Every structure is written in C-alpha cells, then in structure tokens.
N, C-alpha and C. Protein backbone atom coordinates (compact mmCIF):
# COMPACT_ATOMS: atom_id res chain seq x y z
N UNK A 1 74.62 -55.00 27.58
CA UNK A 1 73.22 -55.24 27.40
C UNK A 1 73.08 -56.66 26.84
N UNK A 2 72.09 -57.33 27.38
CA UNK A 2 71.90 -58.72 26.98
C UNK A 2 71.11 -58.78 25.67
N UNK A 3 71.07 -59.94 25.08
CA UNK A 3 70.37 -60.15 23.81
C UNK A 3 68.88 -59.92 23.98
N UNK A 4 68.34 -60.35 25.14
CA UNK A 4 66.92 -60.14 25.41
C UNK A 4 66.59 -58.66 25.48
N UNK A 5 67.42 -57.90 26.15
CA UNK A 5 67.18 -56.47 26.27
C UNK A 5 67.26 -55.79 24.91
N UNK A 6 68.22 -56.26 24.07
CA UNK A 6 68.33 -55.69 22.73
C UNK A 6 67.06 -55.97 21.91
N UNK A 7 66.55 -57.23 22.01
CA UNK A 7 65.33 -57.58 21.27
C UNK A 7 64.14 -56.77 21.79
N UNK A 8 64.06 -56.60 23.11
CA UNK A 8 62.96 -55.82 23.70
C UNK A 8 63.05 -54.36 23.25
N UNK A 9 64.24 -53.82 23.24
CA UNK A 9 64.45 -52.44 22.81
C UNK A 9 64.09 -52.29 21.34
N UNK A 10 64.48 -53.24 20.49
CA UNK A 10 64.14 -53.21 19.05
C UNK A 10 62.62 -53.35 18.89
N UNK A 11 62.00 -54.22 19.68
CA UNK A 11 60.55 -54.41 19.62
C UNK A 11 59.82 -53.11 19.94
N UNK A 12 60.24 -52.43 21.03
CA UNK A 12 59.60 -51.17 21.41
C UNK A 12 59.86 -50.08 20.36
N UNK A 13 61.02 -50.07 19.78
CA UNK A 13 61.35 -49.09 18.74
C UNK A 13 60.48 -49.32 17.51
N UNK A 14 60.33 -50.59 17.10
CA UNK A 14 59.48 -50.91 15.94
C UNK A 14 58.02 -50.58 16.25
N UNK A 15 57.56 -50.95 17.46
CA UNK A 15 56.18 -50.65 17.85
C UNK A 15 55.95 -49.15 17.89
N UNK A 16 56.88 -48.40 18.44
CA UNK A 16 56.77 -46.94 18.47
C UNK A 16 56.75 -46.35 17.07
N UNK A 17 57.60 -46.90 16.18
CA UNK A 17 57.64 -46.44 14.79
C UNK A 17 56.30 -46.70 14.11
N UNK A 18 55.73 -47.88 14.33
CA UNK A 18 54.43 -48.22 13.72
C UNK A 18 53.33 -47.31 14.25
N UNK A 19 53.30 -47.07 15.56
CA UNK A 19 52.28 -46.20 16.16
C UNK A 19 52.43 -44.78 15.64
N UNK A 20 53.66 -44.26 15.59
CA UNK A 20 53.87 -42.91 15.08
C UNK A 20 53.47 -42.80 13.61
N UNK A 21 53.77 -43.81 12.81
CA UNK A 21 53.35 -43.79 11.40
C UNK A 21 51.83 -43.82 11.28
N UNK A 22 51.17 -44.64 12.10
CA UNK A 22 49.72 -44.71 12.07
C UNK A 22 49.11 -43.35 12.43
N UNK A 23 49.64 -42.73 13.49
CA UNK A 23 49.14 -41.41 13.90
C UNK A 23 49.41 -40.36 12.83
N UNK A 24 50.58 -40.42 12.22
CA UNK A 24 50.92 -39.45 11.18
C UNK A 24 50.01 -39.62 9.96
N UNK A 25 49.77 -40.88 9.55
CA UNK A 25 48.89 -41.13 8.41
C UNK A 25 47.49 -40.62 8.72
N UNK A 26 46.98 -40.90 9.90
CA UNK A 26 45.65 -40.44 10.30
C UNK A 26 45.60 -38.91 10.30
N UNK A 27 46.62 -38.28 10.87
CA UNK A 27 46.67 -36.82 10.94
C UNK A 27 46.67 -36.21 9.54
N UNK A 28 47.51 -36.73 8.65
CA UNK A 28 47.59 -36.18 7.31
C UNK A 28 46.35 -36.48 6.48
N UNK A 29 45.71 -37.63 6.73
CA UNK A 29 44.46 -37.95 6.04
C UNK A 29 43.37 -36.95 6.45
N UNK A 30 43.32 -36.62 7.74
CA UNK A 30 42.35 -35.64 8.22
C UNK A 30 42.60 -34.28 7.58
N UNK A 31 43.86 -33.88 7.52
CA UNK A 31 44.21 -32.60 6.90
C UNK A 31 43.84 -32.60 5.41
N UNK A 32 44.06 -33.73 4.74
CA UNK A 32 43.73 -33.83 3.32
C UNK A 32 42.22 -33.72 3.12
N UNK A 33 41.44 -34.40 3.96
CA UNK A 33 39.98 -34.34 3.87
C UNK A 33 39.48 -32.91 4.11
N UNK A 34 40.07 -32.20 5.08
CA UNK A 34 39.70 -30.81 5.33
C UNK A 34 40.00 -29.94 4.12
N UNK A 35 41.16 -30.17 3.51
CA UNK A 35 41.55 -29.39 2.33
C UNK A 35 40.59 -29.65 1.17
N UNK A 36 40.19 -30.90 0.98
CA UNK A 36 39.25 -31.25 -0.10
C UNK A 36 37.89 -30.60 0.17
N UNK A 37 37.44 -30.64 1.43
CA UNK A 37 36.15 -30.03 1.79
C UNK A 37 36.18 -28.52 1.55
N UNK A 38 37.28 -27.87 1.95
CA UNK A 38 37.40 -26.42 1.73
C UNK A 38 37.47 -26.09 0.24
N UNK A 39 38.14 -26.93 -0.53
CA UNK A 39 38.22 -26.70 -1.97
C UNK A 39 36.83 -26.81 -2.59
N UNK A 40 36.04 -27.82 -2.16
CA UNK A 40 34.69 -27.99 -2.69
C UNK A 40 33.80 -26.81 -2.32
N UNK A 41 33.93 -26.33 -1.08
CA UNK A 41 33.15 -25.16 -0.66
C UNK A 41 33.53 -23.93 -1.49
N UNK A 42 34.82 -23.76 -1.72
CA UNK A 42 35.29 -22.63 -2.53
C UNK A 42 34.77 -22.74 -3.95
N UNK A 43 34.72 -23.95 -4.49
CA UNK A 43 34.22 -24.16 -5.85
C UNK A 43 32.73 -23.79 -5.92
N UNK A 44 31.95 -24.18 -4.91
CA UNK A 44 30.52 -23.83 -4.87
C UNK A 44 30.35 -22.32 -4.77
N UNK A 45 31.16 -21.67 -3.94
CA UNK A 45 31.07 -20.21 -3.81
C UNK A 45 31.44 -19.54 -5.13
N UNK A 46 32.43 -20.06 -5.82
CA UNK A 46 32.82 -19.50 -7.11
C UNK A 46 31.69 -19.66 -8.13
N UNK A 47 31.07 -20.82 -8.18
CA UNK A 47 29.96 -21.04 -9.11
C UNK A 47 28.80 -20.12 -8.79
N UNK A 48 28.50 -19.92 -7.52
CA UNK A 48 27.43 -19.01 -7.12
C UNK A 48 27.75 -17.59 -7.53
N UNK A 49 28.99 -17.17 -7.29
CA UNK A 49 29.40 -15.82 -7.67
C UNK A 49 29.31 -15.63 -9.19
N UNK A 50 29.71 -16.64 -9.95
CA UNK A 50 29.62 -16.54 -11.41
C UNK A 50 28.18 -16.46 -11.87
N UNK A 51 27.29 -17.20 -11.20
CA UNK A 51 25.87 -17.15 -11.54
C UNK A 51 25.31 -15.75 -11.26
N UNK A 52 25.67 -15.17 -10.10
CA UNK A 52 25.21 -13.82 -9.78
C UNK A 52 25.77 -12.80 -10.78
N UNK A 53 26.99 -12.98 -11.17
CA UNK A 53 27.60 -12.07 -12.13
C UNK A 53 26.88 -12.16 -13.48
N UNK A 54 26.53 -13.38 -13.88
CA UNK A 54 25.84 -13.56 -15.16
C UNK A 54 24.45 -12.92 -15.15
N UNK A 55 23.77 -12.96 -14.01
CA UNK A 55 22.42 -12.39 -13.94
C UNK A 55 22.42 -10.93 -13.52
N UNK A 56 23.58 -10.35 -13.31
CA UNK A 56 23.63 -8.97 -12.81
C UNK A 56 23.09 -7.97 -13.83
N UNK A 57 23.18 -8.25 -15.10
CA UNK A 57 22.69 -7.31 -16.10
C UNK A 57 21.17 -7.13 -15.98
N UNK A 58 20.44 -8.23 -15.88
CA UNK A 58 18.99 -8.10 -15.75
C UNK A 58 18.62 -7.51 -14.40
N UNK A 59 19.35 -7.87 -13.37
CA UNK A 59 19.06 -7.32 -12.04
C UNK A 59 19.38 -5.83 -12.03
N UNK A 60 20.43 -5.43 -12.69
CA UNK A 60 20.78 -4.01 -12.75
C UNK A 60 19.67 -3.22 -13.44
N UNK A 61 19.13 -3.77 -14.52
CA UNK A 61 18.02 -3.09 -15.21
C UNK A 61 16.80 -2.97 -14.30
N UNK A 62 16.50 -4.03 -13.57
CA UNK A 62 15.36 -3.99 -12.65
C UNK A 62 15.60 -3.00 -11.52
N UNK A 63 16.82 -2.94 -11.02
CA UNK A 63 17.13 -1.99 -9.95
C UNK A 63 17.02 -0.55 -10.45
N UNK A 64 17.46 -0.30 -11.68
CA UNK A 64 17.34 1.04 -12.26
C UNK A 64 15.87 1.42 -12.41
N UNK A 65 15.04 0.47 -12.89
CA UNK A 65 13.61 0.75 -13.05
C UNK A 65 12.99 1.06 -11.70
N UNK A 66 13.33 0.26 -10.68
CA UNK A 66 12.76 0.47 -9.35
C UNK A 66 13.22 1.81 -8.77
N UNK A 67 14.47 2.15 -8.96
CA UNK A 67 14.97 3.45 -8.46
C UNK A 67 14.25 4.60 -9.15
N UNK A 68 13.96 4.42 -10.42
CA UNK A 68 13.28 5.47 -11.19
C UNK A 68 11.81 5.63 -10.77
N UNK A 69 11.17 4.53 -10.36
CA UNK A 69 9.74 4.55 -10.06
C UNK A 69 9.40 4.45 -8.58
N UNK A 70 10.39 4.49 -7.70
CA UNK A 70 10.10 4.39 -6.27
C UNK A 70 9.39 5.66 -5.81
N UNK A 71 8.23 5.50 -5.16
CA UNK A 71 7.48 6.68 -4.71
C UNK A 71 8.10 7.29 -3.45
N UNK A 72 7.68 8.49 -3.17
CA UNK A 72 8.12 9.17 -1.95
C UNK A 72 7.50 8.47 -0.74
N UNK A 73 8.19 8.45 0.38
CA UNK A 73 7.60 7.83 1.59
C UNK A 73 6.29 8.51 1.97
N UNK A 74 5.33 7.69 2.39
CA UNK A 74 4.02 8.22 2.76
C UNK A 74 3.44 7.38 3.90
N UNK A 75 2.51 7.96 4.61
CA UNK A 75 1.83 7.26 5.70
C UNK A 75 0.80 6.31 5.11
N UNK A 76 0.56 5.23 5.80
CA UNK A 76 -0.37 4.20 5.35
C UNK A 76 -1.77 4.80 5.11
N UNK A 77 -2.25 5.62 6.02
CA UNK A 77 -3.60 6.18 5.90
C UNK A 77 -3.70 7.09 4.68
N UNK A 78 -2.64 7.86 4.40
CA UNK A 78 -2.66 8.74 3.23
C UNK A 78 -2.74 7.94 1.93
N UNK A 79 -1.96 6.88 1.85
CA UNK A 79 -1.95 6.05 0.64
C UNK A 79 -3.31 5.36 0.49
N UNK A 80 -3.86 4.87 1.60
CA UNK A 80 -5.17 4.20 1.56
C UNK A 80 -6.24 5.18 1.05
N UNK A 81 -6.22 6.41 1.55
CA UNK A 81 -7.20 7.43 1.13
C UNK A 81 -7.02 7.79 -0.34
N UNK A 82 -5.77 7.98 -0.77
CA UNK A 82 -5.51 8.30 -2.18
C UNK A 82 -5.96 7.17 -3.10
N UNK A 83 -5.72 5.93 -2.67
CA UNK A 83 -6.13 4.77 -3.46
C UNK A 83 -7.64 4.73 -3.58
N UNK A 84 -8.35 4.99 -2.49
CA UNK A 84 -9.81 4.98 -2.52
C UNK A 84 -10.33 6.07 -3.45
N UNK A 85 -9.77 7.26 -3.34
CA UNK A 85 -10.21 8.36 -4.22
C UNK A 85 -9.95 8.04 -5.68
N UNK A 86 -8.77 7.47 -5.96
CA UNK A 86 -8.43 7.12 -7.34
C UNK A 86 -9.40 6.08 -7.89
N UNK A 87 -9.70 5.06 -7.11
CA UNK A 87 -10.63 4.01 -7.56
C UNK A 87 -12.02 4.57 -7.80
N UNK A 88 -12.48 5.40 -6.87
CA UNK A 88 -13.81 6.02 -7.02
C UNK A 88 -13.87 6.91 -8.26
N UNK A 89 -12.86 7.77 -8.41
CA UNK A 89 -12.85 8.70 -9.54
C UNK A 89 -12.78 7.94 -10.86
N UNK A 90 -11.94 6.90 -10.91
CA UNK A 90 -11.84 6.12 -12.14
C UNK A 90 -13.12 5.40 -12.47
N UNK A 91 -13.78 4.84 -11.47
CA UNK A 91 -15.03 4.12 -11.71
C UNK A 91 -16.12 5.08 -12.17
N UNK A 92 -16.20 6.23 -11.54
CA UNK A 92 -17.21 7.23 -11.92
C UNK A 92 -16.95 7.73 -13.33
N UNK A 93 -15.69 8.01 -13.64
CA UNK A 93 -15.32 8.50 -14.97
C UNK A 93 -15.61 7.46 -16.04
N UNK A 94 -15.43 6.18 -15.70
CA UNK A 94 -15.67 5.11 -16.68
C UNK A 94 -17.16 4.79 -16.80
N UNK A 95 -18.01 5.40 -15.97
CA UNK A 95 -19.45 5.16 -16.04
C UNK A 95 -19.88 3.91 -15.29
N UNK A 96 -19.14 3.52 -14.29
CA UNK A 96 -19.48 2.35 -13.49
C UNK A 96 -20.21 2.77 -12.23
N UNK A 97 -21.10 1.90 -11.77
CA UNK A 97 -21.81 2.13 -10.52
C UNK A 97 -21.06 1.42 -9.40
N UNK A 98 -20.67 2.17 -8.38
CA UNK A 98 -19.95 1.58 -7.25
C UNK A 98 -20.99 1.04 -6.28
N UNK A 99 -20.93 -0.26 -6.05
CA UNK A 99 -21.87 -0.90 -5.12
C UNK A 99 -21.31 -0.92 -3.70
N UNK A 100 -20.07 -1.37 -3.55
CA UNK A 100 -19.45 -1.38 -2.22
C UNK A 100 -17.98 -1.00 -2.33
N UNK A 101 -17.47 -0.45 -1.23
CA UNK A 101 -16.05 -0.15 -1.11
C UNK A 101 -15.63 -0.62 0.28
N UNK A 102 -14.51 -1.29 0.33
CA UNK A 102 -14.06 -1.77 1.63
C UNK A 102 -12.54 -1.67 1.70
N UNK A 103 -12.03 -0.79 2.58
CA UNK A 103 -10.58 -0.78 2.77
C UNK A 103 -10.16 -2.07 3.50
N UNK A 104 -9.17 -2.72 2.97
CA UNK A 104 -8.66 -3.95 3.58
C UNK A 104 -7.43 -3.62 4.42
N UNK A 105 -7.12 -4.46 5.38
CA UNK A 105 -5.92 -4.20 6.19
C UNK A 105 -4.68 -4.15 5.30
N UNK A 106 -3.84 -3.18 5.56
CA UNK A 106 -2.62 -3.03 4.77
C UNK A 106 -1.62 -4.10 5.15
N UNK A 107 -0.85 -4.48 4.17
CA UNK A 107 0.23 -5.44 4.39
C UNK A 107 1.47 -4.63 4.74
N UNK A 108 1.83 -4.64 6.02
CA UNK A 108 2.97 -3.83 6.48
C UNK A 108 4.14 -4.72 6.89
N UNK A 109 4.19 -5.92 6.35
CA UNK A 109 5.27 -6.85 6.70
C UNK A 109 6.47 -6.73 5.78
N UNK A 110 6.37 -5.95 4.72
CA UNK A 110 7.48 -5.83 3.79
C UNK A 110 8.65 -5.07 4.40
N UNK A 111 9.84 -5.38 3.93
CA UNK A 111 11.03 -4.72 4.45
C UNK A 111 11.14 -3.30 3.90
N UNK A 112 10.97 -3.15 2.58
CA UNK A 112 11.14 -1.85 1.95
C UNK A 112 9.82 -1.24 1.48
N UNK A 113 8.84 -2.07 1.16
CA UNK A 113 7.56 -1.60 0.66
C UNK A 113 6.42 -2.18 1.48
N UNK A 114 5.38 -1.40 1.65
CA UNK A 114 4.14 -1.88 2.24
C UNK A 114 3.06 -1.79 1.16
N UNK A 115 1.90 -2.43 1.42
CA UNK A 115 0.82 -2.41 0.44
C UNK A 115 -0.47 -1.94 1.08
N UNK A 116 -1.09 -0.94 0.48
CA UNK A 116 -2.43 -0.52 0.86
C UNK A 116 -3.39 -1.28 -0.04
N UNK A 117 -4.50 -1.74 0.54
CA UNK A 117 -5.45 -2.56 -0.23
C UNK A 117 -6.85 -1.98 -0.14
N UNK A 118 -7.57 -2.13 -1.24
CA UNK A 118 -8.94 -1.65 -1.32
C UNK A 118 -9.75 -2.66 -2.13
N UNK A 119 -10.92 -3.00 -1.63
CA UNK A 119 -11.80 -3.92 -2.37
C UNK A 119 -13.05 -3.15 -2.78
N UNK A 120 -13.34 -3.19 -4.07
CA UNK A 120 -14.50 -2.49 -4.61
C UNK A 120 -15.36 -3.46 -5.39
N UNK A 121 -16.65 -3.25 -5.32
CA UNK A 121 -17.59 -3.98 -6.16
C UNK A 121 -18.29 -2.93 -7.02
N UNK A 122 -18.14 -3.11 -8.34
CA UNK A 122 -18.72 -2.16 -9.28
C UNK A 122 -19.58 -2.92 -10.28
N UNK A 123 -20.43 -2.18 -10.95
CA UNK A 123 -21.29 -2.77 -11.97
C UNK A 123 -21.32 -1.82 -13.15
N UNK A 124 -21.25 -2.40 -14.35
CA UNK A 124 -21.30 -1.55 -15.54
C UNK A 124 -21.11 -2.37 -16.79
N UNK A 125 -21.00 -1.66 -17.89
CA UNK A 125 -20.82 -2.32 -19.18
C UNK A 125 -19.39 -2.86 -19.28
N UNK A 126 -19.25 -3.87 -20.11
CA UNK A 126 -17.98 -4.58 -20.24
C UNK A 126 -16.85 -3.64 -20.66
N UNK A 127 -17.08 -2.81 -21.66
CA UNK A 127 -16.04 -1.90 -22.14
C UNK A 127 -15.62 -0.91 -21.05
N UNK A 128 -16.59 -0.39 -20.32
CA UNK A 128 -16.28 0.55 -19.24
C UNK A 128 -15.49 -0.13 -18.14
N UNK A 129 -15.85 -1.35 -17.84
CA UNK A 129 -15.16 -2.10 -16.80
C UNK A 129 -13.70 -2.35 -17.18
N UNK A 130 -13.46 -2.75 -18.41
CA UNK A 130 -12.09 -3.00 -18.85
C UNK A 130 -11.27 -1.71 -18.90
N UNK A 131 -11.91 -0.61 -19.28
CA UNK A 131 -11.22 0.67 -19.30
C UNK A 131 -10.81 1.06 -17.87
N UNK A 132 -11.70 0.84 -16.91
CA UNK A 132 -11.40 1.14 -15.50
C UNK A 132 -10.26 0.26 -14.98
N UNK A 133 -10.30 -1.04 -15.28
CA UNK A 133 -9.24 -1.94 -14.83
C UNK A 133 -7.90 -1.58 -15.48
N UNK A 134 -7.95 -1.17 -16.75
CA UNK A 134 -6.73 -0.76 -17.42
C UNK A 134 -6.15 0.50 -16.78
N UNK A 135 -7.01 1.41 -16.37
CA UNK A 135 -6.56 2.64 -15.72
C UNK A 135 -5.99 2.34 -14.33
N UNK A 136 -6.51 1.33 -13.65
CA UNK A 136 -6.03 0.98 -12.31
C UNK A 136 -4.66 0.30 -12.36
N UNK A 137 -4.47 -0.58 -13.31
CA UNK A 137 -3.22 -1.35 -13.40
C UNK A 137 -2.12 -0.49 -13.99
N UNK A 138 -1.31 0.09 -13.14
CA UNK A 138 -0.21 0.95 -13.56
C UNK A 138 1.07 0.48 -12.88
N UNK A 139 1.84 -0.42 -13.52
CA UNK A 139 3.06 -0.92 -12.89
C UNK A 139 4.06 0.17 -12.55
N UNK A 140 4.15 1.21 -13.38
CA UNK A 140 5.11 2.27 -13.09
C UNK A 140 4.71 3.09 -11.86
N UNK A 141 3.45 2.97 -11.44
CA UNK A 141 3.00 3.63 -10.21
C UNK A 141 2.85 2.62 -9.08
N UNK A 142 3.32 1.38 -9.30
CA UNK A 142 3.29 0.30 -8.31
C UNK A 142 1.87 0.02 -7.82
N UNK A 143 0.92 -0.02 -8.78
CA UNK A 143 -0.48 -0.27 -8.43
C UNK A 143 -1.05 -1.31 -9.40
N UNK A 144 -1.83 -2.24 -8.82
CA UNK A 144 -2.40 -3.30 -9.67
C UNK A 144 -3.65 -3.86 -8.99
N UNK A 145 -4.54 -4.36 -9.82
CA UNK A 145 -5.70 -5.11 -9.31
C UNK A 145 -5.26 -6.56 -9.17
N UNK A 146 -5.12 -7.02 -7.94
CA UNK A 146 -4.56 -8.35 -7.71
C UNK A 146 -5.60 -9.45 -7.78
N UNK A 147 -6.84 -9.13 -7.48
CA UNK A 147 -7.92 -10.12 -7.58
C UNK A 147 -9.09 -9.49 -8.30
N UNK A 148 -9.58 -10.18 -9.31
CA UNK A 148 -10.72 -9.69 -10.08
C UNK A 148 -11.71 -10.84 -10.21
N UNK A 149 -12.93 -10.60 -9.78
CA UNK A 149 -13.97 -11.61 -9.92
C UNK A 149 -15.12 -10.98 -10.70
N UNK A 150 -15.40 -11.55 -11.87
CA UNK A 150 -16.45 -11.05 -12.74
C UNK A 150 -17.65 -11.99 -12.69
N UNK A 151 -18.83 -11.38 -12.71
CA UNK A 151 -20.06 -12.19 -12.76
C UNK A 151 -21.14 -11.36 -13.46
N UNK A 152 -22.09 -12.03 -14.10
CA UNK A 152 -23.15 -11.28 -14.78
C UNK A 152 -24.06 -10.61 -13.75
N UNK A 153 -24.55 -9.45 -14.10
CA UNK A 153 -25.47 -8.73 -13.23
C UNK A 153 -26.79 -9.48 -13.20
N UNK A 154 -27.35 -9.64 -12.03
CA UNK A 154 -28.58 -10.43 -11.88
C UNK A 154 -29.81 -9.72 -12.43
N UNK A 155 -29.77 -8.38 -12.47
CA UNK A 155 -30.94 -7.64 -12.93
C UNK A 155 -30.89 -7.28 -14.41
N UNK A 156 -29.67 -7.08 -14.93
CA UNK A 156 -29.52 -6.63 -16.32
C UNK A 156 -28.42 -7.46 -16.99
N UNK A 157 -28.76 -8.20 -18.04
CA UNK A 157 -27.81 -9.07 -18.73
C UNK A 157 -26.72 -8.29 -19.48
N UNK A 158 -26.93 -7.02 -19.73
CA UNK A 158 -25.93 -6.25 -20.45
C UNK A 158 -24.83 -5.70 -19.54
N UNK A 159 -24.98 -5.88 -18.23
CA UNK A 159 -24.01 -5.35 -17.27
C UNK A 159 -23.21 -6.49 -16.63
N UNK A 160 -22.06 -6.14 -16.14
CA UNK A 160 -21.18 -7.09 -15.45
C UNK A 160 -20.91 -6.55 -14.06
N UNK A 161 -20.98 -7.44 -13.07
CA UNK A 161 -20.57 -7.09 -11.71
C UNK A 161 -19.12 -7.53 -11.54
N UNK A 162 -18.35 -6.68 -10.94
CA UNK A 162 -16.92 -6.96 -10.74
C UNK A 162 -16.52 -6.63 -9.32
N UNK A 163 -15.89 -7.58 -8.68
CA UNK A 163 -15.29 -7.35 -7.37
C UNK A 163 -13.78 -7.38 -7.58
N UNK A 164 -13.13 -6.27 -7.30
CA UNK A 164 -11.68 -6.15 -7.54
C UNK A 164 -10.98 -5.72 -6.27
N UNK A 165 -9.85 -6.35 -6.02
CA UNK A 165 -8.97 -5.93 -4.93
C UNK A 165 -7.81 -5.20 -5.57
N UNK A 166 -7.67 -3.94 -5.23
CA UNK A 166 -6.63 -3.08 -5.80
C UNK A 166 -5.58 -2.85 -4.72
N UNK A 167 -4.32 -3.03 -5.11
CA UNK A 167 -3.23 -2.85 -4.15
C UNK A 167 -2.26 -1.80 -4.66
N UNK A 168 -1.79 -0.99 -3.73
CA UNK A 168 -0.82 0.08 -4.03
C UNK A 168 0.40 -0.14 -3.15
N UNK A 169 1.55 -0.39 -3.79
CA UNK A 169 2.79 -0.53 -3.02
C UNK A 169 3.32 0.86 -2.72
N UNK A 170 3.84 1.05 -1.51
CA UNK A 170 4.39 2.35 -1.14
C UNK A 170 5.53 2.19 -0.16
N UNK A 171 6.35 3.23 -0.09
CA UNK A 171 7.45 3.26 0.87
C UNK A 171 6.89 3.87 2.14
N UNK A 172 6.98 3.17 3.26
CA UNK A 172 6.40 3.70 4.49
C UNK A 172 7.19 4.92 4.99
N UNK A 173 6.46 5.86 5.54
CA UNK A 173 7.10 7.05 6.13
C UNK A 173 7.81 6.63 7.40
N UNK A 174 8.93 7.28 7.67
CA UNK A 174 9.68 6.99 8.89
C UNK A 174 8.85 7.44 10.09
N UNK A 175 8.75 6.60 11.11
CA UNK A 175 7.98 7.02 12.29
C UNK A 175 8.68 8.21 12.97
N UNK A 176 7.86 9.21 13.30
CA UNK A 176 8.44 10.39 13.94
C UNK A 176 8.75 10.09 15.40
N UNK A 177 9.88 10.60 15.84
CA UNK A 177 10.32 10.31 17.21
C UNK A 177 9.72 11.29 18.20
C-alpha cells in the first residue's frame, strides 16, 4: 500500500470516527433530554398526588355528608310537584300571600344530580318572609333559594314583595326500558 493510500485510509477512519462520535453524542443527548422530561413529568404527578392526599380528609368528610344526605332517585315531574307543594304550604303557613308561581325548566345537565326550579312571588310581613326563606333553605335536603329579590309593597309600606327562585337538587330516576 502506498503512502497516499495509507493517508486516505487514515483520513476516512478519522472522518468516520468523528461522524460516529457526533451521532453518538446527539443520540445520547436526546436520550438524556427524554429522561429529564420524564423525570419532570413524574415530579409533577407526585406533587399532584401529594396535594390530593393532603386534601383527602376534607373531601372524605364531604363525601360522607353527601352519601348520608343523597335523596332517593325520583322523576323530574314528581320533584317539581313536591317542590311547588312545599313552597305553597310554607308560604301559607308563614302567613304570606302568594302572588305568582312559575315552574322553571329543570336543569338536567348534571352528571349525578339534576335541579328542579320554581319561581314564586309572595308578599307579607318581613318576619314571616324570613321565616319562610329559612324553612326553604335546607342544605341537608339539597334545597335552597338561589335568587331572592326583595322590594317594598306598592300598596302597603308594612309589607315586602319577594320574588324567589327555589331549587331542589335530586337524583334522576333511571329511564325505564
């Protein structure tokens, strides 16, 4: 082999060595970056899990309360009718005059609970009105007055007009097949 061929062979060997080293460095750098990214993702998942674990005590208490107070499944119309009767009976018992009642469309978009809604306009004395609202707002029965608008009665200054939207959360009955 001539000197030129030896130099050419050494040149190609050195060039091949440099190219292989460059490819190896690039390959290992990519693997290192992937490992760092996976480590960071694992760290975020660990922090999230620790946060959930820390808040599990309060969530467990809330879940126990909800399990204790979850109503039996019922049809939307039945809940709407019961809510209307309850509002009427409470208003009458409190000495309020019912001016209007309007069933509102139920909110049936919930995954586990739906809401029956009723809007009533009543008129009466302040103490009677507050007693009626207190009787309506029962968190353990999943019922609350979500909107309350008070205004003075136009005919009698001693009375208050109240428009209240009362909502009752319920578990929807399974559709019969």
